[in-house]
N, C-alpha and C. Protein backbone atom coordinates (compact mmCIF):
# COMPACT_ATOMS: atom_id res chain seq x y z
N MET A 1 0.86 -1.18 -0.09
CA MET A 1 0.10 -0.01 0.01
C MET A 1 0.75 1.34 0.07
N ALA A 2 1.97 1.38 0.60
CA ALA A 2 2.82 2.40 0.66
C ALA A 2 3.46 2.74 -0.77
N ALA A 3 3.50 1.75 -1.64
CA ALA A 3 4.08 1.85 -2.98
C ALA A 3 2.85 2.33 -4.06
N GLY A 4 1.75 2.23 -3.57
CA GLY A 4 0.75 2.80 -4.24
C GLY A 4 -0.15 1.67 -4.86
N ASP A 5 0.43 0.43 -4.73
CA ASP A 5 -0.51 -0.92 -5.20
C ASP A 5 -1.65 -1.14 -4.16
N LEU A 6 -2.83 -0.89 -4.59
CA LEU A 6 -3.79 -1.24 -3.68
C LEU A 6 -4.39 -2.43 -3.87
N THR A 7 -3.92 -3.21 -4.81
CA THR A 7 -4.20 -4.59 -5.07
C THR A 7 -3.62 -5.72 -3.99
N GLN A 8 -2.68 -5.26 -3.43
CA GLN A 8 -1.96 -6.29 -2.49
C GLN A 8 -2.72 -6.42 -1.21
N ARG A 9 -2.62 -7.65 -0.74
CA ARG A 9 -3.29 -8.07 0.62
C ARG A 9 -2.62 -8.68 1.44
N CYS A 10 -2.84 -8.57 2.60
CA CYS A 10 -2.04 -9.42 3.61
C CYS A 10 -2.88 -10.66 3.81
N ASP A 11 -2.01 -11.80 3.46
CA ASP A 11 -2.71 -13.02 3.67
C ASP A 11 -1.71 -13.76 4.76
N TRP A 12 -2.14 -13.94 5.80
CA TRP A 12 -1.32 -14.78 6.80
C TRP A 12 -2.25 -15.90 7.24
N HIS A 13 -1.52 -16.89 7.48
CA HIS A 13 -2.16 -18.07 7.76
C HIS A 13 -1.97 -18.24 9.23
N GLY A 14 -3.05 -18.54 10.02
CA GLY A 14 -3.12 -18.80 11.35
C GLY A 14 -4.38 -18.41 12.08
N GLY A 15 -4.39 -18.17 13.16
CA GLY A 15 -5.76 -17.92 13.81
C GLY A 15 -5.54 -16.83 15.06
N GLY A 16 -6.63 -16.53 15.33
CA GLY A 16 -6.66 -15.63 16.54
C GLY A 16 -6.47 -14.17 16.16
N LEU A 17 -5.31 -13.67 16.70
CA LEU A 17 -4.91 -12.46 16.63
C LEU A 17 -4.32 -12.12 15.20
N LEU A 18 -3.73 -12.96 14.52
CA LEU A 18 -3.18 -12.79 13.20
C LEU A 18 -4.33 -12.46 12.22
N VAL A 19 -5.28 -13.16 12.38
CA VAL A 19 -6.50 -13.06 11.41
C VAL A 19 -7.21 -11.67 11.72
N GLN A 20 -7.37 -11.38 12.93
CA GLN A 20 -7.81 -10.11 13.28
C GLN A 20 -6.90 -8.90 12.62
N LEU A 21 -5.64 -9.02 12.90
CA LEU A 21 -4.57 -8.11 12.24
C LEU A 21 -4.76 -7.99 10.79
N GLN A 22 -4.80 -9.06 10.37
CA GLN A 22 -4.92 -9.14 8.83
C GLN A 22 -6.01 -8.38 8.33
N LEU A 23 -7.23 -8.59 8.97
CA LEU A 23 -8.56 -7.99 8.45
C LEU A 23 -8.32 -6.48 8.76
N ALA A 24 -7.63 -6.03 9.84
CA ALA A 24 -7.59 -4.67 10.31
C ALA A 24 -6.50 -3.92 9.32
N LEU A 25 -5.61 -4.66 8.80
CA LEU A 25 -4.62 -4.23 7.84
C LEU A 25 -5.44 -4.16 6.39
N ASN A 26 -6.03 -5.19 6.01
CA ASN A 26 -6.76 -5.06 4.76
C ASN A 26 -7.87 -4.10 4.69
N GLN A 27 -8.53 -3.63 5.69
CA GLN A 27 -9.62 -2.96 5.73
C GLN A 27 -9.42 -1.32 5.39
N PRO A 28 -8.34 -0.64 5.53
CA PRO A 28 -8.11 0.56 5.17
C PRO A 28 -7.70 0.47 3.51
N ASN A 29 -7.19 -0.86 3.24
CA ASN A 29 -6.75 -0.77 1.82
C ASN A 29 -8.09 -0.94 0.89
N VAL A 30 -9.15 -1.68 1.38
CA VAL A 30 -10.27 -1.81 0.80
C VAL A 30 -11.07 -0.36 0.76
N ASN A 31 -11.17 0.34 1.90
CA ASN A 31 -11.59 1.58 1.85
C ASN A 31 -10.96 2.46 0.82
N LEU A 32 -9.64 2.65 0.83
CA LEU A 32 -8.76 3.46 0.17
C LEU A 32 -9.21 3.01 -1.33
N GLN A 33 -9.26 1.82 -1.71
CA GLN A 33 -9.80 1.29 -3.03
C GLN A 33 -11.11 1.93 -3.53
N SER A 34 -11.95 1.77 -2.48
CA SER A 34 -13.39 2.31 -2.82
C SER A 34 -13.33 3.76 -2.97
N ILE A 35 -12.31 4.57 -2.24
CA ILE A 35 -12.45 5.97 -2.34
C ILE A 35 -11.79 6.39 -3.64
N VAL A 36 -10.64 5.67 -4.01
CA VAL A 36 -10.04 6.12 -5.14
C VAL A 36 -10.81 5.75 -6.36
N GLY A 37 -11.72 4.67 -6.36
CA GLY A 37 -12.73 4.24 -7.52
C GLY A 37 -13.74 5.02 -7.57
N ASP A 38 -14.14 5.62 -6.52
CA ASP A 38 -15.25 6.78 -6.64
C ASP A 38 -14.80 8.10 -7.10
N ALA A 39 -13.57 8.38 -6.78
CA ALA A 39 -12.82 9.40 -7.31
C ALA A 39 -12.64 9.48 -8.72
N ARG A 40 -12.32 8.16 -9.26
CA ARG A 40 -11.83 7.97 -10.78
C ARG A 40 -13.30 8.08 -11.36
N GLU A 41 -14.37 7.64 -10.95
CA GLU A 41 -15.54 7.62 -11.60
C GLU A 41 -16.13 9.25 -11.47
N GLU A 42 -15.96 9.86 -10.62
CA GLU A 42 -16.41 11.37 -10.46
C GLU A 42 -15.42 12.21 -11.65
N ALA A 43 -14.03 11.75 -11.55
CA ALA A 43 -13.34 12.47 -12.37
C ALA A 43 -13.71 12.19 -13.85
N GLU A 44 -14.05 10.93 -14.14
CA GLU A 44 -14.68 10.70 -15.57
C GLU A 44 -15.90 11.41 -15.79
N GLN A 45 -16.71 11.52 -14.81
CA GLN A 45 -17.96 12.21 -14.91
C GLN A 45 -17.83 13.67 -15.30
N ILE A 46 -16.71 14.21 -14.52
CA ILE A 46 -16.40 15.58 -14.73
C ILE A 46 -15.72 15.76 -16.09
N GLU A 47 -14.96 14.81 -16.45
CA GLU A 47 -14.31 15.08 -17.99
C GLU A 47 -15.50 14.86 -18.89
N ILE A 48 -16.33 14.07 -18.79
CA ILE A 48 -17.53 14.05 -19.64
C ILE A 48 -18.28 15.42 -19.47
N ALA A 49 -18.52 15.84 -18.42
CA ALA A 49 -19.13 17.31 -18.28
C ALA A 49 -18.42 18.41 -18.83
N ILE A 50 -17.07 18.41 -18.65
CA ILE A 50 -16.36 19.43 -19.12
C ILE A 50 -16.42 19.41 -20.84
N GLY A 51 -16.20 18.06 -21.19
CA GLY A 51 -16.39 17.92 -22.76
C GLY A 51 -17.73 18.49 -23.27
N GLU A 52 -18.88 18.30 -22.67
CA GLU A 52 -20.18 18.76 -23.00
C GLU A 52 -20.24 20.34 -22.90
N ILE A 53 -19.58 20.75 -21.72
CA ILE A 53 -19.52 22.09 -21.78
C ILE A 53 -18.69 22.93 -22.78
N ALA A 54 -17.62 22.17 -23.12
CA ALA A 54 -16.63 22.80 -24.22
C ALA A 54 -17.52 22.59 -25.61
N ALA A 55 -18.23 21.53 -25.72
CA ALA A 55 -18.82 21.59 -27.08
C ALA A 55 -19.88 22.83 -27.19
N GLY A 56 -20.64 22.81 -26.00
CA GLY A 56 -21.68 23.71 -25.94
C GLY A 56 -20.98 25.21 -26.24
N ASN A 57 -19.76 25.38 -25.57
CA ASN A 57 -19.03 26.64 -25.61
C ASN A 57 -18.72 26.77 -27.05
N HIS A 58 -18.28 25.90 -27.72
CA HIS A 58 -18.04 25.83 -29.28
C HIS A 58 -19.03 26.19 -30.07
N ASP A 59 -20.17 25.50 -29.83
CA ASP A 59 -21.29 25.72 -30.52
C ASP A 59 -21.98 27.13 -30.44
N MET A 60 -21.99 27.62 -28.99
CA MET A 60 -22.44 29.12 -28.76
C MET A 60 -21.51 29.98 -29.49
N SER A 61 -20.06 29.80 -29.53
CA SER A 61 -19.12 30.64 -30.30
C SER A 61 -19.39 30.55 -31.79
N ASN A 62 -19.82 29.49 -32.34
CA ASN A 62 -20.02 29.44 -33.64
C ASN A 62 -21.35 30.24 -34.24
N ARG A 63 -22.42 30.03 -33.14
CA ARG A 63 -23.58 30.84 -33.41
C ARG A 63 -23.36 32.33 -32.97
N THR A 64 -22.56 32.66 -32.21
CA THR A 64 -22.52 34.10 -31.97
C THR A 64 -21.70 34.65 -33.12
N ASP A 65 -20.62 33.86 -33.83
CA ASP A 65 -19.77 34.51 -34.72
C ASP A 65 -20.89 34.55 -35.99
N SER A 66 -21.81 33.81 -36.12
CA SER A 66 -22.78 33.55 -37.23
C SER A 66 -23.80 34.94 -37.03
N GLN A 67 -24.27 35.16 -35.78
CA GLN A 67 -24.98 36.25 -35.51
C GLN A 67 -24.10 37.53 -35.91
N ALA A 68 -22.88 37.66 -35.40
CA ALA A 68 -22.03 38.88 -35.69
C ALA A 68 -22.15 38.87 -37.06
N SER A 69 -21.74 37.99 -37.88
CA SER A 69 -21.57 38.12 -39.45
C SER A 69 -23.22 38.63 -40.01
N SER A 70 -24.04 38.04 -39.46
CA SER A 70 -25.48 38.51 -39.98
C SER A 70 -25.65 39.90 -39.61
N LEU A 71 -25.19 40.39 -38.52
CA LEU A 71 -25.56 41.76 -38.05
C LEU A 71 -24.65 42.74 -38.97
N GLN A 72 -23.46 42.20 -39.28
CA GLN A 72 -22.54 43.01 -40.04
C GLN A 72 -23.17 43.15 -41.55
N GLU A 73 -23.72 42.06 -41.97
CA GLU A 73 -24.44 42.17 -43.37
C GLU A 73 -25.74 43.06 -43.32
N THR A 74 -26.35 42.91 -42.04
CA THR A 74 -27.50 43.67 -41.95
C THR A 74 -27.09 45.16 -41.91
N ALA A 75 -26.07 45.48 -41.12
CA ALA A 75 -25.56 47.00 -41.07
C ALA A 75 -25.17 47.46 -42.51
N ALA A 76 -24.44 46.55 -43.17
CA ALA A 76 -24.11 47.04 -44.74
C ALA A 76 -25.27 47.19 -45.53
N SER A 77 -26.46 46.31 -45.40
CA SER A 77 -27.55 46.50 -46.17
C SER A 77 -28.29 47.83 -45.78
N MET A 78 -28.42 48.04 -44.41
CA MET A 78 -28.96 49.34 -43.93
C MET A 78 -28.22 50.40 -44.48
N ASP A 79 -27.09 50.29 -44.73
CA ASP A 79 -26.20 51.49 -45.20
C ASP A 79 -26.55 51.63 -46.65
N GLN A 80 -26.64 50.55 -47.30
CA GLN A 80 -27.11 50.56 -48.83
C GLN A 80 -28.44 51.20 -48.85
N ILE A 81 -29.44 50.68 -48.20
CA ILE A 81 -30.86 51.20 -47.95
C ILE A 81 -30.80 52.68 -47.80
N THR A 82 -30.06 53.19 -46.88
CA THR A 82 -30.04 54.48 -46.45
C THR A 82 -29.40 55.41 -47.67
N SER A 83 -28.55 54.96 -48.11
CA SER A 83 -27.75 55.66 -49.36
C SER A 83 -28.89 55.62 -50.51
N THR A 84 -29.45 54.50 -50.75
CA THR A 84 -30.69 54.48 -51.67
C THR A 84 -31.65 55.36 -51.47
N VAL A 85 -32.03 55.57 -50.26
CA VAL A 85 -33.30 56.43 -49.94
C VAL A 85 -32.83 57.88 -49.95
N ARG A 86 -31.45 58.18 -49.65
CA ARG A 86 -31.12 59.48 -49.76
C ARG A 86 -31.16 59.81 -51.29
N ALA A 87 -30.51 59.19 -52.07
CA ALA A 87 -30.55 59.21 -53.50
C ALA A 87 -32.01 59.55 -54.13
N ASN A 88 -33.01 58.71 -53.65
CA ASN A 88 -34.20 58.91 -54.04
C ASN A 88 -34.75 59.95 -53.55
N ALA A 89 -34.57 60.52 -52.40
CA ALA A 89 -35.17 61.74 -51.87
C ALA A 89 -34.41 62.86 -52.73
N GLN A 90 -33.21 62.87 -53.03
CA GLN A 90 -32.67 63.94 -53.69
C GLN A 90 -33.29 63.87 -55.21
N SER A 91 -33.57 62.66 -55.84
CA SER A 91 -34.07 62.65 -57.30
C SER A 91 -35.56 63.20 -56.98
N ALA A 92 -36.20 63.03 -55.94
CA ALA A 92 -37.53 63.67 -55.87
C ALA A 92 -37.59 64.87 -55.65
N ARG A 93 -36.49 65.54 -54.99
CA ARG A 93 -36.52 66.84 -54.81
C ARG A 93 -36.26 67.54 -56.27
N ARG A 94 -35.36 66.97 -56.90
CA ARG A 94 -35.03 67.53 -58.35
C ARG A 94 -36.20 67.26 -59.14
N ALA A 95 -37.08 66.33 -59.13
CA ALA A 95 -38.31 66.26 -60.07
C ALA A 95 -39.20 67.20 -59.44
N ALA A 96 -39.30 67.57 -58.29
CA ALA A 96 -40.34 68.35 -57.88
C ALA A 96 -39.71 69.80 -58.38
N GLN A 97 -38.40 70.15 -58.47
CA GLN A 97 -37.90 71.34 -58.94
C GLN A 97 -38.29 71.52 -60.55
N LEU A 98 -38.01 70.39 -61.15
CA LEU A 98 -38.44 70.43 -62.60
C LEU A 98 -39.87 70.54 -62.71
N ALA A 99 -40.59 69.87 -61.82
CA ALA A 99 -42.10 70.04 -62.15
C ALA A 99 -42.53 71.45 -61.96
N ASP A 100 -41.94 72.14 -60.91
CA ASP A 100 -42.15 73.30 -60.68
C ASP A 100 -41.77 74.44 -61.99
N SER A 101 -40.51 73.99 -62.27
CA SER A 101 -40.12 74.73 -63.56
C SER A 101 -40.93 74.52 -64.71
N ALA A 102 -41.37 73.23 -64.84
CA ALA A 102 -42.37 73.01 -66.08
C ALA A 102 -43.58 73.71 -65.95
N ALA A 103 -44.13 73.61 -64.84
CA ALA A 103 -45.32 74.44 -64.54
C ALA A 103 -45.43 75.91 -64.71
N GLU A 104 -44.23 76.38 -64.28
CA GLU A 104 -44.03 77.90 -64.44
C GLU A 104 -43.85 78.09 -65.92
N VAL A 105 -43.10 77.31 -66.68
CA VAL A 105 -42.97 77.58 -68.11
C VAL A 105 -44.32 77.44 -68.94
N THR A 106 -45.17 76.47 -68.46
CA THR A 106 -46.53 76.19 -68.99
C THR A 106 -47.50 77.38 -68.67
N HIS A 107 -47.39 77.85 -67.59
CA HIS A 107 -48.13 78.97 -67.06
C HIS A 107 -47.75 80.21 -67.78
N THR A 108 -46.52 80.45 -68.10
CA THR A 108 -45.92 81.43 -68.85
C THR A 108 -46.29 81.37 -70.25
N GLY A 109 -46.30 80.19 -70.69
CA GLY A 109 -46.60 79.85 -72.26
C GLY A 109 -48.07 79.92 -72.41
N LEU A 110 -48.84 79.39 -71.51
CA LEU A 110 -50.31 79.72 -71.57
C LEU A 110 -50.73 81.06 -71.66
N LYS A 111 -49.91 81.88 -70.72
CA LYS A 111 -50.49 83.38 -70.76
C LYS A 111 -50.03 83.88 -72.06
N THR A 112 -48.84 83.56 -72.60
CA THR A 112 -48.55 84.09 -73.88
C THR A 112 -49.44 83.52 -75.03
N TRP A 113 -49.87 82.37 -75.12
CA TRP A 113 -50.72 81.83 -75.94
C TRP A 113 -52.07 82.47 -75.90
N ASN A 114 -52.59 82.68 -74.73
CA ASN A 114 -53.77 83.55 -74.50
C ASN A 114 -53.80 84.87 -74.96
N ALA A 115 -52.66 85.58 -74.91
CA ALA A 115 -52.48 86.81 -75.38
C ALA A 115 -52.37 86.86 -76.88
N ARG A 116 -51.67 86.07 -77.35
CA ARG A 116 -51.60 85.89 -78.94
C ARG A 116 -52.99 85.59 -79.36
N GLU A 117 -53.62 84.55 -78.75
CA GLU A 117 -54.98 84.24 -79.36
C GLU A 117 -56.07 85.38 -79.16
N THR A 118 -55.96 86.21 -78.21
CA THR A 118 -56.76 87.29 -77.94
C THR A 118 -56.50 88.33 -79.03
N MET A 119 -55.10 88.57 -79.29
CA MET A 119 -54.89 89.47 -80.22
C MET A 119 -55.17 88.99 -81.73
N HIS A 120 -54.98 87.92 -81.88
CA HIS A 120 -55.07 87.18 -83.25
C HIS A 120 -56.83 87.05 -83.54
N THR A 121 -57.63 86.77 -82.37
CA THR A 121 -58.99 86.82 -82.57
C THR A 121 -59.58 88.24 -82.78
N ARG A 122 -58.97 89.14 -82.00
CA ARG A 122 -59.39 90.76 -82.17
C ARG A 122 -59.14 91.11 -83.68
N GLY A 123 -57.86 90.67 -84.10
CA GLY A 123 -57.65 91.09 -85.65
C GLY A 123 -58.52 90.35 -86.59
N ARG A 124 -58.77 89.12 -86.18
CA ARG A 124 -59.96 88.56 -87.33
C ARG A 124 -61.26 89.24 -87.11
N CYS A 125 -61.63 89.44 -85.87
CA CYS A 125 -62.84 90.14 -85.79
C CYS A 125 -62.98 91.60 -86.48
N GLU A 126 -61.75 92.20 -86.26
CA GLU A 126 -61.82 93.63 -86.99
C GLU A 126 -61.73 93.27 -88.54
N ARG A 127 -61.15 92.34 -89.14
CA ARG A 127 -61.15 91.95 -90.48
C ARG A 127 -62.55 91.74 -90.93
N VAL A 128 -63.30 90.88 -90.18
CA VAL A 128 -64.51 90.64 -90.31
C VAL A 128 -65.53 91.67 -90.28
N ARG A 129 -65.40 92.55 -89.20
CA ARG A 129 -66.11 93.86 -89.30
C ARG A 129 -66.01 94.84 -90.32
N ALA A 130 -64.68 94.63 -90.73
CA ALA A 130 -64.43 95.57 -91.96
C ALA A 130 -64.97 95.02 -93.04
N CYS A 131 -65.12 93.85 -93.28
CA CYS A 131 -65.53 93.38 -94.48
C CYS A 131 -67.06 93.43 -94.73
N ARG A 132 -67.94 93.17 -93.75
CA ARG A 132 -69.36 93.18 -93.61
C ARG A 132 -69.89 93.90 -92.33
N PRO A 133 -69.76 94.94 -92.01
CA PRO A 133 -70.15 95.60 -90.97
C PRO A 133 -71.71 95.52 -90.77
N GLY A 134 -72.19 95.15 -89.61
CA GLY A 134 -73.49 94.98 -89.30
C GLY A 134 -73.86 93.52 -89.43
N HIS A 135 -73.12 92.56 -90.01
CA HIS A 135 -73.58 91.25 -90.17
C HIS A 135 -72.96 90.37 -88.99
N ALA A 136 -71.86 90.90 -88.45
CA ALA A 136 -71.11 89.72 -87.47
C ALA A 136 -71.43 90.52 -86.07
N ARG A 137 -71.72 89.54 -85.15
CA ARG A 137 -71.97 89.92 -83.85
C ARG A 137 -71.09 89.13 -82.86
N GLN A 138 -70.85 89.40 -81.64
CA GLN A 138 -70.15 88.76 -80.91
C GLN A 138 -71.03 87.93 -80.04
N ARG A 139 -70.41 86.71 -79.73
CA ARG A 139 -71.31 85.64 -79.11
C ARG A 139 -71.40 86.36 -77.45
N ARG A 140 -72.41 85.63 -76.82
CA ARG A 140 -72.52 85.99 -75.47
C ARG A 140 -71.00 85.54 -74.80
N ARG A 141 -71.01 85.83 -73.76
CA ARG A 141 -70.07 85.59 -72.80
C ARG A 141 -69.86 83.85 -72.63
N GLY A 142 -68.74 83.43 -72.83
CA GLY A 142 -68.60 81.98 -72.63
C GLY A 142 -68.76 81.30 -73.88
N GLU A 143 -69.13 81.91 -74.90
CA GLU A 143 -69.37 81.20 -76.34
C GLU A 143 -68.08 81.74 -77.23
N PRO A 144 -67.36 80.77 -77.77
CA PRO A 144 -66.19 81.20 -78.56
C PRO A 144 -66.73 81.63 -79.92
N GLY A 145 -65.72 82.65 -80.55
CA GLY A 145 -65.77 82.89 -81.86
C GLY A 145 -67.16 83.80 -82.08
N LEU A 146 -67.44 84.02 -83.43
CA LEU A 146 -68.40 84.96 -83.93
C LEU A 146 -69.72 84.10 -84.48
N HIS A 147 -70.85 84.81 -84.43
CA HIS A 147 -72.03 84.10 -85.08
C HIS A 147 -72.22 84.91 -86.40
N LEU A 148 -71.98 84.24 -87.44
CA LEU A 148 -72.37 84.85 -88.68
C LEU A 148 -73.49 84.08 -89.46
N ARG A 149 -74.13 85.06 -90.19
CA ARG A 149 -75.25 84.35 -90.92
C ARG A 149 -74.72 83.36 -91.85
N ALA A 150 -75.08 82.36 -92.27
CA ALA A 150 -74.93 81.46 -93.25
C ALA A 150 -74.48 81.86 -94.48
N ARG A 151 -75.36 82.75 -94.94
CA ARG A 151 -75.25 83.38 -96.32
C ARG A 151 -73.96 84.42 -96.39
N ASP A 152 -73.43 84.83 -95.07
CA ASP A 152 -72.44 85.88 -95.18
C ASP A 152 -71.01 85.06 -95.01
N ARG A 153 -71.05 83.84 -94.57
CA ARG A 153 -69.80 83.05 -94.56
C ARG A 153 -68.85 83.25 -95.73
N PRO A 154 -69.19 82.70 -96.81
CA PRO A 154 -68.25 82.73 -97.96
C PRO A 154 -67.72 84.12 -98.19
N SER A 155 -68.42 85.07 -98.22
CA SER A 155 -67.83 86.30 -98.43
C SER A 155 -66.75 86.74 -97.33
N ILE A 156 -67.12 86.51 -96.23
CA ILE A 156 -66.23 86.94 -95.20
C ILE A 156 -64.89 86.08 -95.26
N LYS A 157 -65.01 84.62 -95.46
CA LYS A 157 -64.04 83.73 -95.75
C LYS A 157 -63.14 84.36 -96.81
N ARG A 158 -63.60 84.81 -97.95
CA ARG A 158 -62.77 85.44 -98.89
C ARG A 158 -62.07 86.78 -98.41
N ALA A 159 -62.80 87.56 -97.72
CA ALA A 159 -62.40 88.79 -97.28
C ALA A 159 -61.21 88.65 -96.19
N ALA A 160 -61.47 87.53 -95.46
CA ALA A 160 -60.15 87.34 -94.39
C ALA A 160 -59.01 86.56 -95.14
N GLY A 161 -59.09 86.45 -96.37
CA GLY A 161 -57.86 85.71 -97.02
C GLY A 161 -57.78 84.38 -96.60
N GLY A 162 -58.79 83.75 -96.73
CA GLY A 162 -58.82 82.15 -96.53
C GLY A 162 -58.64 81.73 -94.95
N TYR A 163 -58.39 82.79 -94.18
CA TYR A 163 -58.12 82.29 -92.73
C TYR A 163 -59.42 82.56 -91.86
N PHE A 164 -60.10 81.41 -91.77
CA PHE A 164 -61.29 81.37 -91.14
C PHE A 164 -61.50 80.15 -90.41
N GLY A 165 -61.27 80.51 -89.07
CA GLY A 165 -61.33 79.27 -88.10
C GLY A 165 -62.14 79.62 -86.98
N LEU A 166 -62.63 80.97 -86.74
CA LEU A 166 -63.26 81.30 -85.67
C LEU A 166 -64.79 80.91 -85.47
N CYS A 167 -65.47 80.47 -86.49
CA CYS A 167 -66.69 80.24 -86.41
C CYS A 167 -67.03 78.77 -86.75
């Protein structure tokens, strides 16, 4: 037992006190074998638990790395979305500016067109009146052009130089 071999037993032959001494010397050896056996089993159980913990840690580490990678990809995607939204907002502002400019140009053009048409219509009316005074009358408010009698139209058309689109 002093050398660390717990398998050795004291075997003496005889009776009485020697048998009792033999049992007394063998009992600590048996107890020590039991303690060492239990310690080995516990150590094996601890080793298994440590292996399971290590595997769990490794698995958790892999998942954490995967989640970190996913978060980085999400952050990159968010950056792309943010820059796309900014570009779209800038394009929308530019489109609104162009629409405002187009509306202004259209409004100016419409005013010019209306002024031109008014001048042109007045000129035609003047030509019509000059050709056949008393036969042409202006329509009521909201009615475009002139009312001419049917019999007067050909002569007015000739007098206006073939430019007859008012009636």
